[in-house]
Amino acid sequence: MQKYIEKYLLPVAMILGITFHKQLAIFSPVIPYLLSLMLFITYCRVSWSDIRLTKFHYILLAIQYLGSALVYLVLRQFNEVLAQAAMICVLTATATSAPVVAGLLGGSISVTAAYSIISNLSVAFIAPLFLSVIGESNVEVSLASSFWHILLKVMPILVVPFLVAFLLQKTAPRIHKKIRSAQIISFYLWAAALTVVIGNVTQYVRLQDDGNYTLEVIIAATSLLICLFQFFFGRKIGSQFGWTVAGGQGLGQKNTVLAIWLTQTYLNPLATLGPGTYVLWQNLVNSWQIWRHAKRKENSDFS
């Protein structure tokens, strides 16, 4: 029964989010708490010695920042909003749930967690500088204000769960061990958070309905291509270091909640469709990966 739920829970979560988007709007404030609790359970499998930067992480960071600049410079020749939407899909940090998915796929939680932490923290420093150059001229947000807003938004979600997990390991090892063996709970929490996020994106897209969908479709298609390329190249790079899954999730699975906030604050509001549709694409990819991984495990059990 559990294997069946693991294979189909994420598609069901997305369908529920799209169907009940109006009703789910009231649950938006709980998303950070769900992510924090989910990460706490996941980080119970990680120790301080596991969190260290390697050449692998630096390569992914270079792609994240240099790649976003390149994408923007190429696409701005065709359409500024499209360029902004595509750029933010590359620039934004790794999802806080990436270590969870990496663990479900049999990948390295510690390697993915290390990149998730450094990716989000580095975005706090770099994104304000980057976005202030290309952002909307009528947006009056100081560099210091934007820097602290992003930093304060990311730190509690990423760092506090890790510190609590580490403290629990030192002070209550029996409780820590029980949580460590109950990793599937984080999967269910992620599915709940995903349902609410999908509902929010659906509601936003409906509110932006102006009868002309040409640019919206192009943005969604570009977001899909960027998503697939990042997962593909992330896995290729990761395979060179023995971390195929960590590479794919680190580069492909994005913190779209942060991306949507950055876009709404600095860029053209329509560009929000970039990270908004990226939510759908990355979770379709994750759903397929989890289904395939479960299927392979199922087949190996029978062989």
C-alpha atoms as a PDB file:
ATOM      1  CA  MET A   1       0.000   0.000   0.000  1.00  0.00           C
ATOM      2  CA  GLN A   2       2.804   2.413   0.912  1.00  0.00           C
ATOM      3  CA  LYS A   3       4.582   1.819  -2.398  1.00  0.00           C
ATOM      4  CA  TYR A   4       1.343   2.547  -4.250  1.00  0.00           C
ATOM      5  CA  ILE A   5       0.884   5.824  -2.351  1.00  0.00           C
ATOM      6  CA  GLU A   6       4.494   6.889  -3.011  1.00  0.00           C
ATOM      7  CA  LYS A   7       4.050   6.413  -6.762  1.00  0.00           C
ATOM      8  CA  TYR A   8       0.791   8.340  -7.150  1.00  0.00           C
ATOM      9  CA  LEU A   9       0.574  10.839  -4.271  1.00  0.00           C
ATOM     10  CA  LEU A  10       2.353  13.695  -6.072  1.00  0.00           C
ATOM     11  CA  PRO A  11       0.164  13.642  -9.229  1.00  0.00           C
ATOM     12  CA  VAL A  12      -2.885  13.501  -6.953  1.00  0.00           C
ATOM     13  CA  ALA A  13      -1.536  16.480  -4.971  1.00  0.00           C
ATOM     14  CA  MET A  14      -1.168  18.533  -8.165  1.00  0.00           C
ATOM     15  CA  ILE A  15      -4.665  17.624  -9.357  1.00  0.00           C
ATOM     16  CA  LEU A  16      -6.122  18.613  -5.984  1.00  0.00           C
ATOM     17  CA  GLY A  17      -4.208  21.896  -6.061  1.00  0.00           C
ATOM     18  CA  ILE A  18      -5.552  22.808  -9.494  1.00  0.00           C
ATOM     19  CA  THR A  19      -9.116  21.702  -8.704  1.00  0.00           C
ATOM     20  CA  PHE A  20      -9.473  23.384  -5.299  1.00  0.00           C
ATOM     21  CA  HIS A  21      -7.239  26.420  -5.847  1.00  0.00           C
ATOM     22  CA  LYS A  22      -9.734  28.885  -4.354  1.00  0.00           C
ATOM     23  CA  GLN A  23     -10.238  26.921  -1.155  1.00  0.00           C
ATOM     24  CA  LEU A  24      -6.509  26.251  -0.710  1.00  0.00           C
ATOM     25  CA  ALA A  25      -5.571  29.952  -0.737  1.00  0.00           C
ATOM     26  CA  ILE A  26      -6.230  30.242   3.005  1.00  0.00           C
ATOM     27  CA  PHE A  27      -3.497  27.671   3.726  1.00  0.00           C
ATOM     28  CA  SER A  28      -0.683  29.691   2.097  1.00  0.00           C
ATOM     29  CA  PRO A  29       0.745  30.931   5.434  1.00  0.00           C
ATOM     30  CA  VAL A  30       1.423  27.351   6.592  1.00  0.00           C
ATOM     31  CA  ILE A  31       3.782  26.505   3.698  1.00  0.00           C
ATOM     32  CA  PRO A  32       6.998  27.729   5.430  1.00  0.00           C
ATOM     33  CA  TYR A  33       6.113  25.705   8.527  1.00  0.00           C
ATOM     34  CA  LEU A  34       5.490  22.575   6.457  1.00  0.00           C
ATOM     35  CA  LEU A  35       8.827  23.040   4.715  1.00  0.00           C
ATOM     36  CA  SER A  36      10.649  23.590   8.001  1.00  0.00           C
ATOM     37  CA  LEU A  37       9.127  20.481   9.598  1.00  0.00           C
ATOM     38  CA  MET A  38       9.851  18.466   6.474  1.00  0.00           C
ATOM     39  CA  LEU A  39      13.475  19.597   6.460  1.00  0.00           C
ATOM     40  CA  PHE A  40      13.850  18.873  10.171  1.00  0.00           C
ATOM     41  CA  ILE A  41      12.887  15.242   9.554  1.00  0.00           C
ATOM     42  CA  THR A  42      15.209  15.060   6.547  1.00  0.00           C
ATOM     43  CA  TYR A  43      18.162  16.715   8.301  1.00  0.00           C
ATOM     44  CA  CYS A  44      17.979  14.133  11.069  1.00  0.00           C
ATOM     45  CA  ARG A  45      19.836  11.958   8.547  1.00  0.00           C
ATOM     46  CA  VAL A  46      22.614  14.541   8.112  1.00  0.00           C
ATOM     47  CA  SER A  47      25.602  15.337  10.320  1.00  0.00           C
ATOM     48  CA  TRP A  48      27.822  18.429  10.361  1.00  0.00           C
ATOM     49  CA  SER A  49      30.683  16.461   8.840  1.00  0.00           C
ATOM     50  CA  ASP A  50      28.515  15.723   5.784  1.00  0.00           C
ATOM     51  CA  ILE A  51      27.983  19.409   4.966  1.00  0.00           C
ATOM     52  CA  ARG A  52      31.078  20.450   3.017  1.00  0.00           C
ATOM     53  CA  LEU A  53      31.558  22.200  -0.303  1.00  0.00           C
ATOM     54  CA  THR A  54      33.255  20.402  -3.189  1.00  0.00           C
ATOM     55  CA  LYS A  55      34.171  21.094  -6.792  1.00  0.00           C
ATOM     56  CA  PHE A  56      30.800  19.605  -7.716  1.00  0.00           C
ATOM     57  CA  HIS A  57      28.944  22.318  -5.765  1.00  0.00           C
ATOM     58  CA  TYR A  58      31.014  25.132  -7.278  1.00  0.00           C
ATOM     59  CA  ILE A  59      30.213  23.939 -10.804  1.00  0.00           C
ATOM     60  CA  LEU A  60      26.479  23.982 -10.055  1.00  0.00           C
ATOM     61  CA  LEU A  61      26.760  27.482  -8.566  1.00  0.00           C
ATOM     62  CA  ALA A  62      28.557  28.716 -11.690  1.00  0.00           C
ATOM     63  CA  ILE A  63      25.755  27.361 -13.880  1.00  0.00           C
ATOM     64  CA  GLN A  64      23.144  28.914 -11.602  1.00  0.00           C
ATOM     65  CA  TYR A  65      24.566  32.433 -11.828  1.00  0.00           C
ATOM     66  CA  LEU A  66      26.413  32.602 -15.148  1.00  0.00           C
ATOM     67  CA  GLY A  67      23.653  30.584 -16.824  1.00  0.00           C
ATOM     68  CA  SER A  68      20.932  32.942 -15.623  1.00  0.00           C
ATOM     69  CA  ALA A  69      22.833  35.952 -16.977  1.00  0.00           C
ATOM     70  CA  LEU A  70      23.384  34.243 -20.336  1.00  0.00           C
ATOM     71  CA  VAL A  71      19.731  33.223 -20.672  1.00  0.00           C
ATOM     72  CA  TYR A  72      18.613  36.774 -19.938  1.00  0.00           C
ATOM     73  CA  LEU A  73      21.012  38.400 -22.424  1.00  0.00           C
ATOM     74  CA  VAL A  74      19.972  36.013 -25.215  1.00  0.00           C
ATOM     75  CA  LEU A  75      16.188  36.208 -24.722  1.00  0.00           C
ATOM     76  CA  ARG A  76      15.942  39.958 -24.064  1.00  0.00           C
ATOM     77  CA  GLN A  77      16.564  40.449 -27.787  1.00  0.00           C
ATOM     78  CA  PHE A  78      13.144  38.894 -28.389  1.00  0.00           C
ATOM     79  CA  ASN A  79      11.084  39.940 -25.362  1.00  0.00           C
ATOM     80  CA  GLU A  80      12.010  41.514 -22.028  1.00  0.00           C
ATOM     81  CA  VAL A  81       9.301  39.760 -19.996  1.00  0.00           C
ATOM     82  CA  LEU A  82      10.241  36.382 -21.481  1.00  0.00           C
ATOM     83  CA  ALA A  83      13.903  37.059 -20.647  1.00  0.00           C
ATOM     84  CA  GLN A  84      13.054  37.919 -17.040  1.00  0.00           C
ATOM     85  CA  ALA A  85      10.835  34.840 -16.636  1.00  0.00           C
ATOM     86  CA  ALA A  86      13.523  32.519 -18.028  1.00  0.00           C
ATOM     87  CA  MET A  87      16.317  34.161 -16.065  1.00  0.00           C
ATOM     88  CA  ILE A  88      14.614  33.740 -12.698  1.00  0.00           C
ATOM     89  CA  CYS A  89      14.052  30.030 -13.391  1.00  0.00           C
ATOM     90  CA  VAL A  90      17.835  29.579 -13.580  1.00  0.00           C
ATOM     91  CA  LEU A  91      18.898  32.152 -10.982  1.00  0.00           C
ATOM     92  CA  THR A  92      16.691  31.009  -8.121  1.00  0.00           C
ATOM     93  CA  ALA A  93      18.090  28.682  -5.487  1.00  0.00           C
ATOM     94  CA  THR A  94      17.617  24.966  -4.978  1.00  0.00           C
ATOM     95  CA  ALA A  95      14.337  23.952  -3.364  1.00  0.00           C
ATOM     96  CA  THR A  96      14.393  23.316   0.361  1.00  0.00           C
ATOM     97  CA  SER A  97      12.628  20.031  -0.408  1.00  0.00           C
ATOM     98  CA  ALA A  98      15.366  18.846  -2.812  1.00  0.00           C
ATOM     99  CA  PRO A  99      17.152  16.757  -0.140  1.00  0.00           C
ATOM    100  CA  VAL A 100      13.846  15.008   0.566  1.00  0.00           C
ATOM    101  CA  VAL A 101      13.355  14.021  -3.059  1.00  0.00           C
ATOM    102  CA  ALA A 102      17.029  13.062  -3.407  1.00  0.00           C
ATOM    103  CA  GLY A 103      16.573  10.693  -0.471  1.00  0.00           C
ATOM    104  CA  LEU A 104      13.433   9.194  -2.006  1.00  0.00           C
ATOM    105  CA  LEU A 105      15.362   8.583  -5.222  1.00  0.00           C
ATOM    106  CA  GLY A 106      18.228   6.871  -3.417  1.00  0.00           C
ATOM    107  CA  GLY A 107      20.593   9.823  -3.811  1.00  0.00           C
ATOM    108  CA  SER A 108      22.847  11.584  -1.315  1.00  0.00           C
ATOM    109  CA  ILE A 109      20.811  13.695   1.109  1.00  0.00           C
ATOM    110  CA  SER A 110      23.929  15.308   2.595  1.00  0.00           C
ATOM    111  CA  VAL A 111      25.368  16.401  -0.771  1.00  0.00           C
ATOM    112  CA  THR A 112      22.004  17.791  -1.888  1.00  0.00           C
ATOM    113  CA  ALA A 113      21.457  19.469   1.478  1.00  0.00           C
ATOM    114  CA  ALA A 114      24.874  21.120   1.319  1.00  0.00           C
ATOM    115  CA  TYR A 115      24.117  22.577  -2.090  1.00  0.00           C
ATOM    116  CA  SER A 116      20.599  23.588  -1.045  1.00  0.00           C
ATOM    117  CA  ILE A 117      21.993  25.558   1.889  1.00  0.00           C
ATOM    118  CA  ILE A 118      24.805  27.308  -0.007  1.00  0.00           C
ATOM    119  CA  SER A 119      22.582  27.934  -3.032  1.00  0.00           C
ATOM    120  CA  ASN A 120      19.887  29.674  -0.984  1.00  0.00           C
ATOM    121  CA  LEU A 121      22.341  31.667   1.107  1.00  0.00           C
ATOM    122  CA  SER A 122      24.317  32.816  -1.926  1.00  0.00           C
ATOM    123  CA  VAL A 123      21.099  33.932  -3.647  1.00  0.00           C
ATOM    124  CA  ALA A 124      20.453  36.159  -0.641  1.00  0.00           C
ATOM    125  CA  PHE A 125      23.681  38.019  -1.463  1.00  0.00           C
ATOM    126  CA  ILE A 126      23.679  37.884  -5.256  1.00  0.00           C
ATOM    127  CA  ALA A 127      20.020  38.189  -6.283  1.00  0.00           C
ATOM    128  CA  PRO A 128      19.530  41.765  -4.971  1.00  0.00           C
ATOM    129  CA  LEU A 129      22.581  42.935  -6.927  1.00  0.00           C
ATOM    130  CA  PHE A 130      21.587  41.037 -10.050  1.00  0.00           C
ATOM    131  CA  LEU A 131      17.908  41.991 -10.050  1.00  0.00           C
ATOM    132  CA  SER A 132      18.519  45.651  -9.275  1.00  0.00           C
ATOM    133  CA  VAL A 133      20.279  45.946 -12.641  1.00  0.00           C
ATOM    134  CA  ILE A 134      17.491  44.443 -14.774  1.00  0.00           C
ATOM    135  CA  GLY A 135      14.451  45.041 -12.550  1.00  0.00           C
ATOM    136  CA  GLU A 136      11.531  47.371 -13.149  1.00  0.00           C
ATOM    137  CA  SER A 137      12.584  51.002 -12.807  1.00  0.00           C
ATOM    138  CA  ASN A 138       9.408  51.919 -10.896  1.00  0.00           C
ATOM    139  CA  VAL A 139      10.132  49.495  -8.074  1.00  0.00           C
ATOM    140  CA  GLU A 140      11.626  51.412  -5.190  1.00  0.00           C
ATOM    141  CA  VAL A 141      13.221  48.802  -2.985  1.00  0.00           C
ATOM    142  CA  SER A 142      16.609  49.555  -1.462  1.00  0.00           C
ATOM    143  CA  LEU A 143      19.423  47.085  -1.886  1.00  0.00           C
ATOM    144  CA  ALA A 144      19.830  46.721   1.888  1.00  0.00           C
ATOM    145  CA  SER A 145      16.090  46.192   2.385  1.00  0.00           C
ATOM    146  CA  SER A 146      15.854  43.531  -0.323  1.00  0.00           C
ATOM    147  CA  PHE A 147      18.978  41.806   0.947  1.00  0.00           C
ATOM    148  CA  TRP A 148      17.636  41.495   4.493  1.00  0.00           C
ATOM    149  CA  HIS A 149      14.165  40.472   3.298  1.00  0.00           C
ATOM    150  CA  ILE A 150      15.553  37.546   1.294  1.00  0.00           C
ATOM    151  CA  LEU A 151      18.017  36.578   4.003  1.00  0.00           C
ATOM    152  CA  LEU A 152      15.359  36.586   6.723  1.00  0.00           C
ATOM    153  CA  LYS A 153      13.008  34.619   4.468  1.00  0.00           C
ATOM    154  CA  VAL A 154      15.512  31.869   3.711  1.00  0.00           C
ATOM    155  CA  MET A 155      17.420  31.452   6.984  1.00  0.00           C
ATOM    156  CA  PRO A 156      14.602  30.193   9.253  1.00  0.00           C
ATOM    157  CA  ILE A 157      13.440  27.617   6.703  1.00  0.00           C
ATOM    158  CA  LEU A 158      16.904  26.285   5.900  1.00  0.00           C
ATOM    159  CA  VAL A 159      19.128  26.698   8.929  1.00  0.00           C
ATOM    160  CA  VAL A 160      16.836  26.414  11.978  1.00  0.00           C
ATOM    161  CA  PRO A 161      15.616  22.854  11.154  1.00  0.00           C
ATOM    162  CA  PHE A 162      19.226  21.754  10.673  1.00  0.00           C
ATOM    163  CA  LEU A 163      20.340  23.240  13.989  1.00  0.00           C
ATOM    164  CA  VAL A 164      17.388  21.691  15.838  1.00  0.00           C
ATOM    165  CA  ALA A 165      18.107  18.286  14.269  1.00  0.00           C
ATOM    166  CA  PHE A 166      21.784  18.545  15.257  1.00  0.00           C
ATOM    167  CA  LEU A 167      20.875  19.622  18.811  1.00  0.00           C
ATOM    168  CA  LEU A 168      18.402  16.743  19.120  1.00  0.00           C
ATOM    169  CA  GLN A 169      21.083  14.289  18.013  1.00  0.00           C
ATOM    170  CA  LYS A 170      23.351  15.474  20.835  1.00  0.00           C
ATOM    171  CA  THR A 171      20.743  15.797  23.595  1.00  0.00           C
ATOM    172  CA  ALA A 172      18.108  13.134  22.807  1.00  0.00           C
ATOM    173  CA  PRO A 173      19.664  10.455  20.585  1.00  0.00           C
ATOM    174  CA  ARG A 174      16.770   7.998  21.065  1.00  0.00           C
ATOM    175  CA  ILE A 175      14.197  10.483  19.789  1.00  0.00           C
ATOM    176  CA  HIS A 176      16.573  11.476  17.010  1.00  0.00           C
ATOM    177  CA  LYS A 177      16.905   7.834  15.959  1.00  0.00           C
ATOM    178  CA  LYS A 178      13.118   7.389  15.799  1.00  0.00           C
ATOM    179  CA  ILE A 179      12.723  10.480  13.629  1.00  0.00           C
ATOM    180  CA  ARG A 180      15.637   9.343  11.484  1.00  0.00           C
ATOM    181  CA  SER A 181      13.773   6.100  10.714  1.00  0.00           C
ATOM    182  CA  ALA A 182      10.508   7.905   9.847  1.00  0.00           C
ATOM    183  CA  GLN A 183      11.639   9.712   6.700  1.00  0.00           C
ATOM    184  CA  ILE A 184       8.426   8.911   4.792  1.00  0.00           C
ATOM    185  CA  ILE A 185       6.623  11.522   6.913  1.00  0.00           C
ATOM    186  CA  SER A 186       8.593  14.266   5.144  1.00  0.00           C
ATOM    187  CA  PHE A 187       7.274  12.945   1.831  1.00  0.00           C
ATOM    188  CA  TYR A 188       3.667  13.368   2.988  1.00  0.00           C
ATOM    189  CA  LEU A 189       4.406  16.860   4.305  1.00  0.00           C
ATOM    190  CA  TRP A 190       5.938  17.780   0.946  1.00  0.00           C
ATOM    191  CA  ALA A 191       2.830  16.514  -0.852  1.00  0.00           C
ATOM    192  CA  ALA A 192       0.668  18.714   1.392  1.00  0.00           C
ATOM    193  CA  ALA A 193       2.848  21.766   0.723  1.00  0.00           C
ATOM    194  CA  LEU A 194       2.828  21.002  -2.997  1.00  0.00           C
ATOM    195  CA  THR A 195      -0.968  20.906  -3.054  1.00  0.00           C
ATOM    196  CA  VAL A 196      -1.177  24.389  -1.554  1.00  0.00           C
ATOM    197  CA  VAL A 197       1.561  25.837  -3.822  1.00  0.00           C
ATOM    198  CA  ILE A 198      -0.083  24.447  -6.963  1.00  0.00           C
ATOM    199  CA  GLY A 199      -3.374  25.932  -5.788  1.00  0.00           C
ATOM    200  CA  ASN A 200      -1.732  29.355  -5.364  1.00  0.00           C
ATOM    201  CA  VAL A 201      -0.153  29.261  -8.817  1.00  0.00           C
ATOM    202  CA  THR A 202      -3.436  28.219 -10.426  1.00  0.00           C
ATOM    203  CA  GLN A 203      -5.251  31.052  -8.678  1.00  0.00           C
ATOM    204  CA  TYR A 204      -2.634  33.568  -9.818  1.00  0.00           C
ATOM    205  CA  VAL A 205      -2.802  32.434 -13.458  1.00  0.00           C
ATOM    206  CA  ARG A 206      -6.591  32.723 -13.437  1.00  0.00           C
ATOM    207  CA  LEU A 207      -6.396  36.265 -12.055  1.00  0.00           C
ATOM    208  CA  GLN A 208      -3.990  37.262 -14.869  1.00  0.00           C
ATOM    209  CA  ASP A 209      -6.426  36.128 -17.575  1.00  0.00           C
ATOM    210  CA  ASP A 210      -6.584  38.890 -20.229  1.00  0.00           C
ATOM    211  CA  GLY A 211      -7.743  36.819 -23.217  1.00  0.00           C
ATOM    212  CA  ASN A 212      -4.334  36.893 -24.961  1.00  0.00           C
ATOM    213  CA  TYR A 213      -2.298  33.798 -24.185  1.00  0.00           C
ATOM    214  CA  THR A 214       0.527  33.968 -26.743  1.00  0.00           C
ATOM    215  CA  LEU A 215       3.214  35.297 -24.416  1.00  0.00           C
ATOM    216  CA  GLU A 216       1.935  33.177 -21.521  1.00  0.00           C
ATOM    217  CA  VAL A 217       2.242  30.000 -23.607  1.00  0.00           C
ATOM    218  CA  ILE A 218       5.747  30.947 -24.752  1.00  0.00           C
ATOM    219  CA  ILE A 219       6.813  31.631 -21.165  1.00  0.00           C
ATOM    220  CA  ALA A 220       5.372  28.290 -20.007  1.00  0.00           C
ATOM    221  CA  ALA A 221       7.098  26.414 -22.856  1.00  0.00           C
ATOM    222  CA  THR A 222      10.417  28.151 -22.149  1.00  0.00           C
ATOM    223  CA  SER A 223      10.065  27.312 -18.467  1.00  0.00           C
ATOM    224  CA  LEU A 224       9.532  23.655 -19.392  1.00  0.00           C
ATOM    225  CA  LEU A 225      12.648  23.564 -21.582  1.00  0.00           C
ATOM    226  CA  ILE A 226      14.763  25.213 -18.876  1.00  0.00           C
ATOM    227  CA  CYS A 227      13.439  22.750 -16.302  1.00  0.00           C
ATOM    228  CA  LEU A 228      14.277  19.717 -18.454  1.00  0.00           C
ATOM    229  CA  PHE A 229      17.720  21.064 -19.384  1.00  0.00           C
ATOM    230  CA  GLN A 230      18.610  21.767 -15.741  1.00  0.00           C
ATOM    231  CA  PHE A 231      17.587  18.309 -14.568  1.00  0.00           C
ATOM    232  CA  PHE A 232      19.409  16.710 -17.511  1.00  0.00           C
ATOM    233  CA  PHE A 233      22.679  18.627 -17.195  1.00  0.00           C
ATOM    234  CA  GLY A 234      22.566  18.431 -13.404  1.00  0.00           C
ATOM    235  CA  ARG A 235      22.432  14.639 -13.598  1.00  0.00           C
ATOM    236  CA  LYS A 236      25.191  14.592 -16.233  1.00  0.00           C
ATOM    237  CA  ILE A 237      27.476  16.731 -14.083  1.00  0.00           C
ATOM    238  CA  GLY A 238      26.585  14.783 -10.950  1.00  0.00           C
ATOM    239  CA  SER A 239      27.388  11.466 -12.636  1.00  0.00           C
ATOM    240  CA  GLN A 240      30.996  12.629 -13.073  1.00  0.00           C
ATOM    241  CA  PHE A 241      31.304  12.812  -9.283  1.00  0.00           C
ATOM    242  CA  GLY A 242      29.147   9.795  -8.400  1.00  0.00           C
ATOM    243  CA  TRP A 243      26.214  12.013  -7.376  1.00  0.00           C
ATOM    244  CA  THR A 244      23.802  11.715 -10.289  1.00  0.00           C
ATOM    245  CA  VAL A 245      20.609  12.234  -8.276  1.00  0.00           C
ATOM    246  CA  ALA A 246      22.079  15.080  -6.199  1.00  0.00           C
ATOM    247  CA  GLY A 247      23.168  16.843  -9.396  1.00  0.00           C
ATOM    248  CA  GLY A 248      19.733  16.584 -10.964  1.00  0.00           C
ATOM    249  CA  GLN A 249      17.854  17.748  -7.885  1.00  0.00           C
ATOM    250  CA  GLY A 250      20.401  20.428  -6.987  1.00  0.00           C
ATOM    251  CA  LEU A 251      20.257  22.105 -10.378  1.00  0.00           C
ATOM    252  CA  GLY A 252      16.728  21.217 -11.485  1.00  0.00           C
ATOM    253  CA  GLN A 253      14.534  21.435  -8.394  1.00  0.00           C
ATOM    254  CA  LYS A 254      14.054  25.119  -7.595  1.00  0.00           C
ATOM    255  CA  ASN A 255      12.815  27.159  -4.641  1.00  0.00           C
ATOM    256  CA  THR A 256       9.881  28.497  -6.646  1.00  0.00           C
ATOM    257  CA  VAL A 257       8.266  30.219  -3.647  1.00  0.00           C
ATOM    258  CA  LEU A 258      11.358  32.412  -3.352  1.00  0.00           C
ATOM    259  CA  ALA A 259      11.482  32.818  -7.147  1.00  0.00           C
ATOM    260  CA  ILE A 260       7.889  34.067  -7.303  1.00  0.00           C
ATOM    261  CA  TRP A 261       8.555  36.585  -4.535  1.00  0.00           C
ATOM    262  CA  LEU A 262      11.696  37.886  -6.271  1.00  0.00           C
ATOM    263  CA  THR A 263       9.825  38.252  -9.554  1.00  0.00           C
ATOM    264  CA  GLN A 264       6.877  40.084  -8.025  1.00  0.00           C
ATOM    265  CA  THR A 265       9.217  42.421  -6.153  1.00  0.00           C
ATOM    266  CA  TYR A 266      11.735  43.310  -8.861  1.00  0.00           C
ATOM    267  CA  LEU A 267      10.467  42.249 -12.269  1.00  0.00           C
ATOM    268  CA  ASN A 268       7.451  42.493 -14.546  1.00  0.00           C
ATOM    269  CA  PRO A 269       4.525  40.753 -12.762  1.00  0.00           C
ATOM    270  CA  LEU A 270       3.769  38.693 -15.867  1.00  0.00           C
ATOM    271  CA  ALA A 271       7.229  37.133 -15.575  1.00  0.00           C
ATOM    272  CA  THR A 272       5.901  35.344 -12.468  1.00  0.00           C
ATOM    273  CA  LEU A 273       4.436  32.800 -14.887  1.00  0.00           C
ATOM    274  CA  GLY A 274       7.998  31.547 -15.395  1.00  0.00           C
ATOM    275  CA  PRO A 275       8.568  30.216 -11.863  1.00  0.00           C
ATOM    276  CA  GLY A 276       4.815  29.672 -11.533  1.00  0.00           C
ATOM    277  CA  THR A 277       4.720  27.086 -14.308  1.00  0.00           C
ATOM    278  CA  TYR A 278       8.150  25.774 -13.273  1.00  0.00           C
ATOM    279  CA  VAL A 279       6.385  24.479 -10.142  1.00  0.00           C
ATOM    280  CA  LEU A 280       4.294  22.222 -12.355  1.00  0.00           C
ATOM    281  CA  TRP A 281       7.147  21.059 -14.579  1.00  0.00           C
ATOM    282  CA  GLN A 282       9.603  20.231 -11.792  1.00  0.00           C
ATOM    283  CA  ASN A 283       7.012  18.297  -9.851  1.00  0.00           C
ATOM    284  CA  LEU A 284       5.946  16.369 -12.926  1.00  0.00           C
ATOM    285  CA  VAL A 285       9.614  15.447 -13.383  1.00  0.00           C
ATOM    286  CA  ASN A 286       9.885  14.514  -9.702  1.00  0.00           C
ATOM    287  CA  SER A 287       6.694  12.471  -9.845  1.00  0.00           C
ATOM    288  CA  TRP A 288       8.002  10.562 -12.842  1.00  0.00           C
ATOM    289  CA  GLN A 289      11.401  10.013 -11.194  1.00  0.00           C
ATOM    290  CA  ILE A 290       9.848   8.744  -7.965  1.00  0.00           C
ATOM    291  CA  TRP A 291       7.451   6.489  -9.872  1.00  0.00           C
ATOM    292  CA  ARG A 292      10.319   5.070 -11.964  1.00  0.00           C
ATOM    293  CA  HIS A 293      12.519   4.562  -8.899  1.00  0.00           C
ATOM    294  CA  ALA A 294       9.709   2.768  -7.031  1.00  0.00           C
ATOM    295  CA  LYS A 295       9.021   0.625 -10.091  1.00  0.00           C
ATOM    296  CA  ARG A 296      12.680  -0.399 -10.337  1.00  0.00           C
ATOM    297  CA  LYS A 297      12.771  -1.275  -6.634  1.00  0.00           C
ATOM    298  CA  GLU A 298       9.590  -3.282  -7.070  1.00  0.00           C
ATOM    299  CA  ASN A 299      11.059  -5.193 -10.015  1.00  0.00           C
ATOM    300  CA  SER A 300      14.322  -5.851  -8.164  1.00  0.00           C
ATOM    301  CA  ASP A 301      12.367  -7.236  -5.197  1.00  0.00           C
ATOM    302  CA  PHE A 302      10.709  -9.768  -7.495  1.00  0.00           C
ATOM    303  CA  SER A 303      13.929 -10.744  -9.260  1.00  0.00           C
END
